[in-house]
Amino acid sequence: MGYVAVQGGREAIERACDLYESSRSGRNSSPLGLDQIREQLPLAVDRVMGEGGLYAPDHAALSLRQAAGDTFEASLLLRAHRATLPRLAESLDCSSSSMRMVRRISSAFKDVPGGQVLGPTSDYTLRLLDFEILEDPLARRQLIRDRLFDGRIDEEEVPDEFPRVVELLRAEGLVEDVETGEDEPFDITRRSLVYPAPRSARLQAMARGETGGMLFLAYSSMRGYGHIHPTLAELRVGYVPLLVRNPLTGEDVVAGEVLATEADVVSRFSDPEGQPRFHVGYGMCFGQNEVKAISMGVLDRCMRAATPSSPAEDQEFVLSHIDGIESMGFSNHWKLPHYVDFLSDLDRLRKAQEVDRARR
């Protein structure tokens, strides 16, 4: 059997890129506008922003279009662009109690201060294809808008702040106090991870981790390969103020706001210091990505296990495998030429077979 190199070289590669662009842009359909992607595929845009580590809806929409909908590739494009941008300032700590709420639920309590806010979700519908959308999408959109805004809520009925449920439990001494033990947050974009990693580094790595990978590990713990069977104390989706310090006046100013998802999960209680308390885990990520935030909260608690007994409790195992961009890059590199390696393996195999035949 003979092995020959691919013919064509640079010209073949250029034509392959042209073919990809042709297949991505379609045949007869109208080109996708960034506003269409951003407004009609918001969850995909949010996922790419989170995994790319850059809050930029227009750039995320552009990367999705360029990647033909491949969220791994789109996240890679966005994170690569992020690496070229200057660092202008560092954001300051802010409380999520001032979040401009879009959605807020608790599965731990029926009634919570401020009330349950269902917001935009498909959680309570049957997962069936809706073919009515195909009939007259513009008319359907207008119908939905009329149903929504004819009975809108007065501003006075919406609280200015929604107290966090986990803080109410903490005030009663029912949940553990989690200390980070750090004066300054660990910046994983400037420093390499070392194990055991501080909690701020773990949360950062998970905040830009791949949703499916994190769900897989969290689910393994929920099913019994670990000890975390969570209850969702609170899930929030809303706009968080972006605080920065004015370099001229030294005052804290609001530079804008960021859509984020936050989850507080509580799990089984224990008696570590003479007082039984619930364990608590925390997750927060860009955009509306509820599965990721919940998985992040579960893994946050898992990785605080004193003695790891499952993959989800092992920091190095979790943090080394949840980065979708690194995972995709390593998997994709096998598509590149490995002629030398493979020919070397072939030579070794043939020699091993010769030795085996001689011994027989």
Protein backbone atom coordinates (compact mmCIF):
# COMPACT_ATOMS: atom_id res chain seq x y z
CA MET A 1 0.00 0.00 0.00
CA GLY A 2 1.45 3.35 -0.98
CA TYR A 3 1.19 6.65 0.87
CA VAL A 4 1.33 9.87 -1.15
CA ALA A 5 1.06 13.52 -0.13
CA VAL A 6 -2.03 15.54 -1.02
CA GLN A 7 -1.54 17.21 -4.40
CA GLY A 8 -2.14 20.88 -4.98
CA GLY A 9 -0.55 22.55 -1.96
CA ARG A 10 -1.48 26.19 -1.44
CA GLU A 11 -3.93 26.34 -4.35
CA ALA A 12 -5.85 23.32 -3.01
CA ILE A 13 -6.08 24.94 0.41
CA GLU A 14 -7.36 28.21 -1.08
CA ARG A 15 -10.03 26.39 -3.09
CA ALA A 16 -11.06 24.44 0.02
CA CYS A 17 -11.57 27.78 1.82
CA ASP A 18 -13.61 29.06 -1.13
CA LEU A 19 -15.79 25.93 -1.02
CA TYR A 20 -16.38 26.43 2.69
CA GLU A 21 -17.37 30.06 2.16
CA SER A 22 -19.68 29.06 -0.68
CA SER A 23 -21.43 26.38 1.38
CA ARG A 24 -21.70 28.73 4.37
CA SER A 25 -23.29 31.57 2.40
CA GLY A 26 -25.97 29.32 0.89
CA ARG A 27 -27.33 29.04 -2.62
CA ASN A 28 -30.53 31.05 -3.05
CA SER A 29 -31.41 32.25 0.45
CA SER A 30 -30.82 35.81 1.61
CA PRO A 31 -27.57 36.40 3.52
CA LEU A 32 -27.94 36.35 7.30
CA GLY A 33 -27.63 39.76 8.88
CA LEU A 34 -25.91 40.18 12.24
CA ASP A 35 -29.08 41.72 13.64
CA GLN A 36 -31.02 38.57 12.66
CA ILE A 37 -28.53 36.30 14.42
CA ARG A 38 -28.27 38.52 17.48
CA GLU A 39 -32.03 38.98 17.91
CA GLN A 40 -33.37 35.61 16.77
CA LEU A 41 -30.62 33.30 18.03
CA PRO A 42 -29.87 35.00 21.36
CA LEU A 43 -29.06 31.82 23.29
CA ALA A 44 -26.45 30.80 20.71
CA VAL A 45 -24.93 34.29 20.86
CA ASP A 46 -24.89 34.17 24.68
CA ARG A 47 -23.23 30.75 24.67
CA VAL A 48 -20.48 31.92 22.31
CA MET A 49 -19.84 35.04 24.41
CA GLY A 50 -19.53 32.96 27.56
CA GLU A 51 -17.22 30.34 26.10
CA GLY A 52 -15.23 32.95 24.18
CA GLY A 53 -14.77 35.02 27.32
CA LEU A 54 -15.83 38.30 25.71
CA TYR A 55 -19.12 40.15 26.16
CA ALA A 56 -19.69 41.47 22.64
CA PRO A 57 -23.04 40.46 21.09
CA ASP A 58 -22.27 41.84 17.62
CA HIS A 59 -18.88 40.12 17.48
CA ALA A 60 -20.41 36.87 18.75
CA ALA A 61 -23.05 37.05 16.01
CA LEU A 62 -20.31 37.67 13.43
CA SER A 63 -18.30 34.72 14.68
CA LEU A 64 -21.37 32.46 14.53
CA ARG A 65 -22.01 33.46 10.94
CA GLN A 66 -18.37 32.99 9.98
CA ALA A 67 -18.28 29.59 11.71
CA ALA A 68 -21.48 28.46 9.91
CA GLY A 69 -23.18 27.94 13.26
CA ASP A 70 -20.41 25.86 14.85
CA THR A 71 -20.35 27.20 18.42
CA PHE A 72 -16.92 25.70 19.13
CA GLU A 73 -15.37 27.46 16.16
CA ALA A 74 -17.29 30.66 16.89
CA SER A 75 -16.02 30.70 20.49
CA LEU A 76 -12.48 30.18 19.22
CA LEU A 77 -12.82 33.13 16.84
CA LEU A 78 -14.19 35.35 19.60
CA ARG A 79 -11.52 34.38 22.13
CA ALA A 80 -8.78 34.92 19.56
CA HIS A 81 -10.17 38.39 18.89
CA ARG A 82 -10.29 39.05 22.63
CA ALA A 83 -6.56 38.36 22.85
CA THR A 84 -5.88 41.29 20.48
CA LEU A 85 -7.79 43.87 22.52
CA PRO A 86 -6.15 46.29 24.97
CA ARG A 87 -6.99 46.15 28.66
CA LEU A 88 -8.47 49.55 29.49
CA ALA A 89 -9.67 48.96 33.05
CA GLU A 90 -10.67 46.35 35.60
CA SER A 91 -14.27 46.01 36.70
CA LEU A 92 -15.15 46.37 40.38
CA ASP A 93 -17.16 44.08 42.61
CA CYS A 94 -20.90 44.55 42.47
CA SER A 95 -23.86 42.87 44.12
CA SER A 96 -26.30 40.90 41.99
CA SER A 97 -29.10 42.19 44.20
CA SER A 98 -29.03 45.29 41.97
CA MET A 99 -29.50 43.12 38.85
CA ARG A 100 -32.10 44.48 36.41
CA MET A 101 -34.17 41.34 36.44
CA VAL A 102 -35.30 39.45 33.35
CA ARG A 103 -35.99 36.10 35.00
CA ARG A 104 -35.82 34.90 38.60
CA ILE A 105 -37.05 31.59 39.99
CA SER A 106 -36.49 29.36 43.00
CA SER A 107 -37.26 25.66 43.14
CA ALA A 108 -36.57 25.60 46.89
CA PHE A 109 -39.46 27.89 47.89
CA LYS A 110 -42.86 28.65 46.42
CA ASP A 111 -42.86 32.22 47.73
CA VAL A 112 -39.70 34.32 47.85
CA PRO A 113 -39.28 38.04 48.57
CA GLY A 114 -39.91 39.89 45.31
CA GLY A 115 -41.80 36.95 43.84
CA GLN A 116 -41.04 34.44 41.13
CA VAL A 117 -40.38 36.01 37.72
CA LEU A 118 -40.72 33.40 34.97
CA GLY A 119 -39.39 35.64 32.21
CA PRO A 120 -38.62 34.30 28.72
CA THR A 121 -38.39 30.51 28.87
CA SER A 122 -39.61 27.35 27.20
CA ASP A 123 -39.37 25.30 30.41
CA TYR A 124 -43.13 24.91 30.75
CA THR A 125 -44.00 23.91 27.18
CA LEU A 126 -44.00 20.59 25.35
CA ARG A 127 -40.86 20.00 23.29
CA LEU A 128 -42.64 19.70 19.95
CA LEU A 129 -41.86 21.25 16.59
CA ASP A 130 -44.07 24.28 15.99
CA PHE A 131 -44.93 24.31 12.30
CA GLU A 132 -47.17 27.37 12.70
CA ILE A 133 -44.02 29.47 12.68
CA LEU A 134 -43.55 28.60 9.02
CA GLU A 135 -46.96 29.85 7.93
CA ASP A 136 -46.65 33.63 8.51
CA PRO A 137 -43.78 34.46 10.86
CA LEU A 138 -44.32 38.23 10.72
CA ALA A 139 -47.99 37.97 11.63
CA ARG A 140 -47.18 35.54 14.43
CA ARG A 141 -44.54 37.90 15.81
CA GLN A 142 -47.05 40.78 15.88
CA LEU A 143 -49.65 38.56 17.58
CA ILE A 144 -47.17 37.63 20.33
CA ARG A 145 -46.24 41.28 20.83
CA ASP A 146 -49.89 42.30 21.13
CA ARG A 147 -50.53 39.59 23.71
CA LEU A 148 -47.47 40.63 25.72
CA PHE A 149 -47.70 44.39 25.82
CA ASP A 150 -51.46 44.94 26.02
CA GLY A 151 -51.33 43.84 29.66
CA ARG A 152 -47.92 45.12 30.66
CA ILE A 153 -47.00 45.51 34.33
CA ASP A 154 -46.75 48.99 35.80
CA GLU A 155 -43.25 50.01 36.87
CA GLU A 156 -44.41 50.50 40.45
CA GLU A 157 -45.14 46.76 40.70
CA VAL A 158 -41.54 45.76 39.99
CA PRO A 159 -39.21 45.86 43.03
CA ASP A 160 -35.96 47.82 42.74
CA GLU A 161 -34.00 44.94 44.28
CA PHE A 162 -34.52 41.23 44.70
CA PRO A 163 -32.81 39.85 47.84
CA ARG A 164 -30.85 36.67 47.24
CA VAL A 165 -32.53 33.59 48.66
CA VAL A 166 -29.26 32.04 49.80
CA GLU A 167 -28.52 35.14 51.88
CA LEU A 168 -31.84 34.69 53.67
CA LEU A 169 -30.82 31.13 54.50
CA ARG A 170 -27.38 32.30 55.55
CA ALA A 171 -28.88 34.84 57.93
CA GLU A 172 -30.52 31.91 59.74
CA GLY A 173 -27.26 29.97 59.81
CA LEU A 174 -28.65 27.30 57.49
CA VAL A 175 -25.94 27.38 54.78
CA GLU A 176 -22.19 27.24 55.01
CA ASP A 177 -20.01 30.33 54.72
CA VAL A 178 -17.60 29.85 51.83
CA GLU A 179 -14.33 31.73 52.17
CA THR A 180 -12.11 32.22 49.15
CA GLY A 181 -8.99 32.97 51.18
CA GLU A 182 -7.76 35.38 48.50
CA ASP A 183 -6.98 39.09 48.67
CA GLU A 184 -7.09 39.53 44.88
CA PRO A 185 -8.91 37.37 42.30
CA PHE A 186 -6.73 34.99 40.31
CA ASP A 187 -6.61 36.03 36.62
CA ILE A 188 -6.45 32.90 34.46
CA THR A 189 -5.86 35.02 31.33
CA ARG A 190 -2.52 36.22 32.72
CA ARG A 191 -1.36 33.38 34.95
CA SER A 192 -1.21 29.64 34.38
CA LEU A 193 -3.41 27.47 36.52
CA VAL A 194 -1.69 25.59 39.32
CA TYR A 195 -3.33 22.91 41.43
CA PRO A 196 -4.93 23.08 43.86
CA ALA A 197 -6.39 26.19 42.19
CA PRO A 198 -7.96 28.97 44.26
CA ARG A 199 -11.72 29.29 44.08
CA SER A 200 -11.64 32.49 42.00
CA ALA A 201 -9.57 30.67 39.37
CA ARG A 202 -11.96 27.72 39.35
CA LEU A 203 -14.96 30.00 38.91
CA GLN A 204 -13.24 31.92 36.09
CA ALA A 205 -12.33 28.73 34.25
CA MET A 206 -15.89 27.45 34.55
CA ALA A 207 -17.39 30.80 33.52
CA ARG A 208 -15.82 30.36 30.09
CA GLY A 209 -16.04 26.56 30.07
CA GLU A 210 -17.97 24.61 27.45
CA THR A 211 -21.59 24.10 28.45
CA GLY A 212 -21.85 20.46 27.38
CA GLY A 213 -18.64 19.43 29.10
CA MET A 214 -19.67 21.07 32.36
CA LEU A 215 -23.14 19.53 32.17
CA PHE A 216 -21.61 16.08 31.65
CA LEU A 217 -19.44 16.33 34.77
CA ALA A 218 -22.16 17.91 36.92
CA TYR A 219 -24.66 15.28 35.78
CA SER A 220 -22.25 12.51 36.74
CA SER A 221 -22.27 13.83 40.31
CA MET A 222 -26.06 14.23 40.34
CA ARG A 223 -26.47 10.60 39.26
CA GLY A 224 -24.30 9.23 42.04
CA TYR A 225 -20.68 9.43 40.87
CA GLY A 226 -20.19 12.02 43.58
CA HIS A 227 -22.24 13.42 46.43
CA ILE A 228 -24.06 16.48 45.04
CA HIS A 229 -27.79 16.21 44.48
CA PRO A 230 -28.69 19.90 44.30
CA THR A 231 -31.73 22.02 44.94
CA LEU A 232 -31.90 25.30 43.08
CA ALA A 233 -32.14 27.96 45.76
CA GLU A 234 -32.29 30.66 43.10
CA LEU A 235 -31.72 31.21 39.40
CA ARG A 236 -31.41 34.74 38.06
CA VAL A 237 -31.11 36.14 34.56
CA GLY A 238 -30.69 39.87 34.23
CA TYR A 239 -28.48 42.85 33.55
CA VAL A 240 -25.68 43.49 36.04
CA PRO A 241 -24.11 46.97 36.23
CA LEU A 242 -20.50 47.16 35.06
CA LEU A 243 -18.62 49.26 37.59
CA VAL A 244 -15.21 50.78 36.86
CA ARG A 245 -13.11 53.38 38.62
CA ASN A 246 -12.71 56.71 36.85
CA PRO A 247 -8.93 57.13 36.42
CA LEU A 248 -9.23 60.93 36.72
CA THR A 249 -11.65 61.40 39.61
CA GLY A 250 -11.19 58.06 41.38
CA GLU A 251 -14.97 57.67 41.63
CA ASP A 252 -16.81 54.45 40.85
CA VAL A 253 -18.97 54.86 37.74
CA VAL A 254 -21.36 52.60 35.81
CA ALA A 255 -19.84 52.04 32.37
CA GLY A 256 -22.73 49.89 31.14
CA GLU A 257 -24.47 46.64 31.97
CA VAL A 258 -23.96 42.98 31.13
CA LEU A 259 -26.60 40.28 30.71
CA ALA A 260 -25.68 37.39 33.00
CA THR A 261 -27.09 34.21 34.51
CA GLU A 262 -26.52 33.43 38.19
CA ALA A 263 -27.31 30.25 40.09
CA ASP A 264 -27.16 29.36 43.78
CA VAL A 265 -27.51 25.65 44.50
CA VAL A 266 -27.76 23.98 47.89
CA SER A 267 -27.09 20.32 48.53
CA ARG A 268 -27.05 17.86 51.40
CA PHE A 269 -26.14 19.21 54.82
CA SER A 270 -23.33 18.06 57.06
CA ASP A 271 -21.86 18.87 60.44
CA PRO A 272 -18.29 20.08 59.75
CA GLU A 273 -17.93 22.45 62.72
CA GLY A 274 -20.52 21.29 65.20
CA GLN A 275 -23.44 22.99 63.41
CA PRO A 276 -25.34 21.22 60.59
CA ARG A 277 -25.57 23.40 57.48
CA PHE A 278 -26.42 23.07 53.81
CA HIS A 279 -23.59 23.02 51.33
CA VAL A 280 -23.79 25.77 48.71
CA GLY A 281 -22.42 26.14 45.18
CA TYR A 282 -22.32 29.20 42.96
CA GLY A 283 -22.32 29.79 39.21
CA MET A 284 -22.39 32.89 37.03
CA CYS A 285 -21.78 33.34 33.31
CA PHE A 286 -22.37 35.75 30.43
CA GLY A 287 -25.79 35.87 28.79
CA GLN A 288 -28.73 33.59 29.40
CA ASN A 289 -27.27 30.12 29.82
CA GLU A 290 -29.11 28.48 32.68
CA VAL A 291 -27.81 24.94 32.19
CA LYS A 292 -24.26 26.22 32.39
CA ALA A 293 -24.82 28.32 35.51
CA ILE A 294 -26.50 25.41 37.33
CA SER A 295 -23.75 22.99 36.26
CA MET A 296 -21.17 25.52 37.40
CA GLY A 297 -22.80 25.76 40.83
CA VAL A 298 -22.78 21.98 41.21
CA LEU A 299 -19.13 21.70 40.17
CA ASP A 300 -18.15 24.58 42.46
CA ARG A 301 -19.38 22.54 45.40
CA CYS A 302 -17.99 19.28 44.02
CA MET A 303 -14.45 20.65 43.76
CA ARG A 304 -14.49 21.73 47.40
CA ALA A 305 -14.64 18.10 48.53
CA ALA A 306 -12.01 17.43 51.18
CA THR A 307 -11.09 14.08 49.64
CA PRO A 308 -12.00 13.73 45.93
CA SER A 309 -13.75 10.44 45.25
CA SER A 310 -15.09 11.03 41.72
CA PRO A 311 -13.99 12.84 38.54
CA ALA A 312 -16.30 15.80 39.21
CA GLU A 313 -14.55 16.41 42.53
CA ASP A 314 -11.04 16.42 41.07
CA GLN A 315 -9.98 19.99 40.27
CA GLU A 316 -7.38 19.07 37.71
CA PHE A 317 -9.68 16.63 35.94
CA VAL A 318 -12.55 19.13 35.74
CA LEU A 319 -10.63 22.29 34.84
CA SER A 320 -8.42 20.52 32.30
CA HIS A 321 -11.36 19.11 30.34
CA ILE A 322 -14.14 21.73 30.36
CA ASP A 323 -12.50 24.20 27.98
CA GLY A 324 -14.27 23.50 24.70
CA ILE A 325 -11.77 25.50 22.65
CA GLU A 326 -8.80 23.52 23.91
CA SER A 327 -10.70 20.24 23.55
CA MET A 328 -11.80 21.09 20.02
CA GLY A 329 -8.30 22.24 19.05
CA PHE A 330 -6.70 19.04 20.26
CA SER A 331 -9.33 16.90 18.55
CA ASN A 332 -9.09 18.85 15.29
CA HIS A 333 -5.32 18.69 15.15
CA TRP A 334 -5.62 14.99 14.26
CA LYS A 335 -6.93 16.12 10.86
CA LEU A 336 -3.56 17.68 10.08
CA PRO A 337 -0.74 15.60 8.52
CA HIS A 338 0.75 12.98 10.83
CA TYR A 339 2.68 11.13 8.16
CA VAL A 340 5.95 10.87 10.07
CA ASP A 341 4.32 9.61 13.26
CA PHE A 342 2.17 7.08 11.46
CA LEU A 343 5.01 5.76 9.27
CA SER A 344 7.11 5.36 12.40
CA ASP A 345 4.29 3.35 14.02
CA LEU A 346 4.02 1.24 10.86
CA ASP A 347 7.74 0.45 10.92
CA ARG A 348 7.59 -0.55 14.58
CA LEU A 349 4.52 -2.74 13.98
CA ARG A 350 6.15 -4.53 11.02
CA LYS A 351 9.32 -5.18 13.01
CA ALA A 352 7.27 -6.46 15.95
CA GLN A 353 5.43 -8.85 13.62
CA GLU A 354 8.76 -10.08 12.18
CA VAL A 355 10.04 -10.78 15.69
CA ASP A 356 6.81 -12.56 16.56
CA ARG A 357 6.96 -14.75 13.44
CA ALA A 358 10.64 -15.60 14.09
CA ARG A 359 9.84 -16.60 17.67
CA ARG A 360 7.10 -18.95 16.51
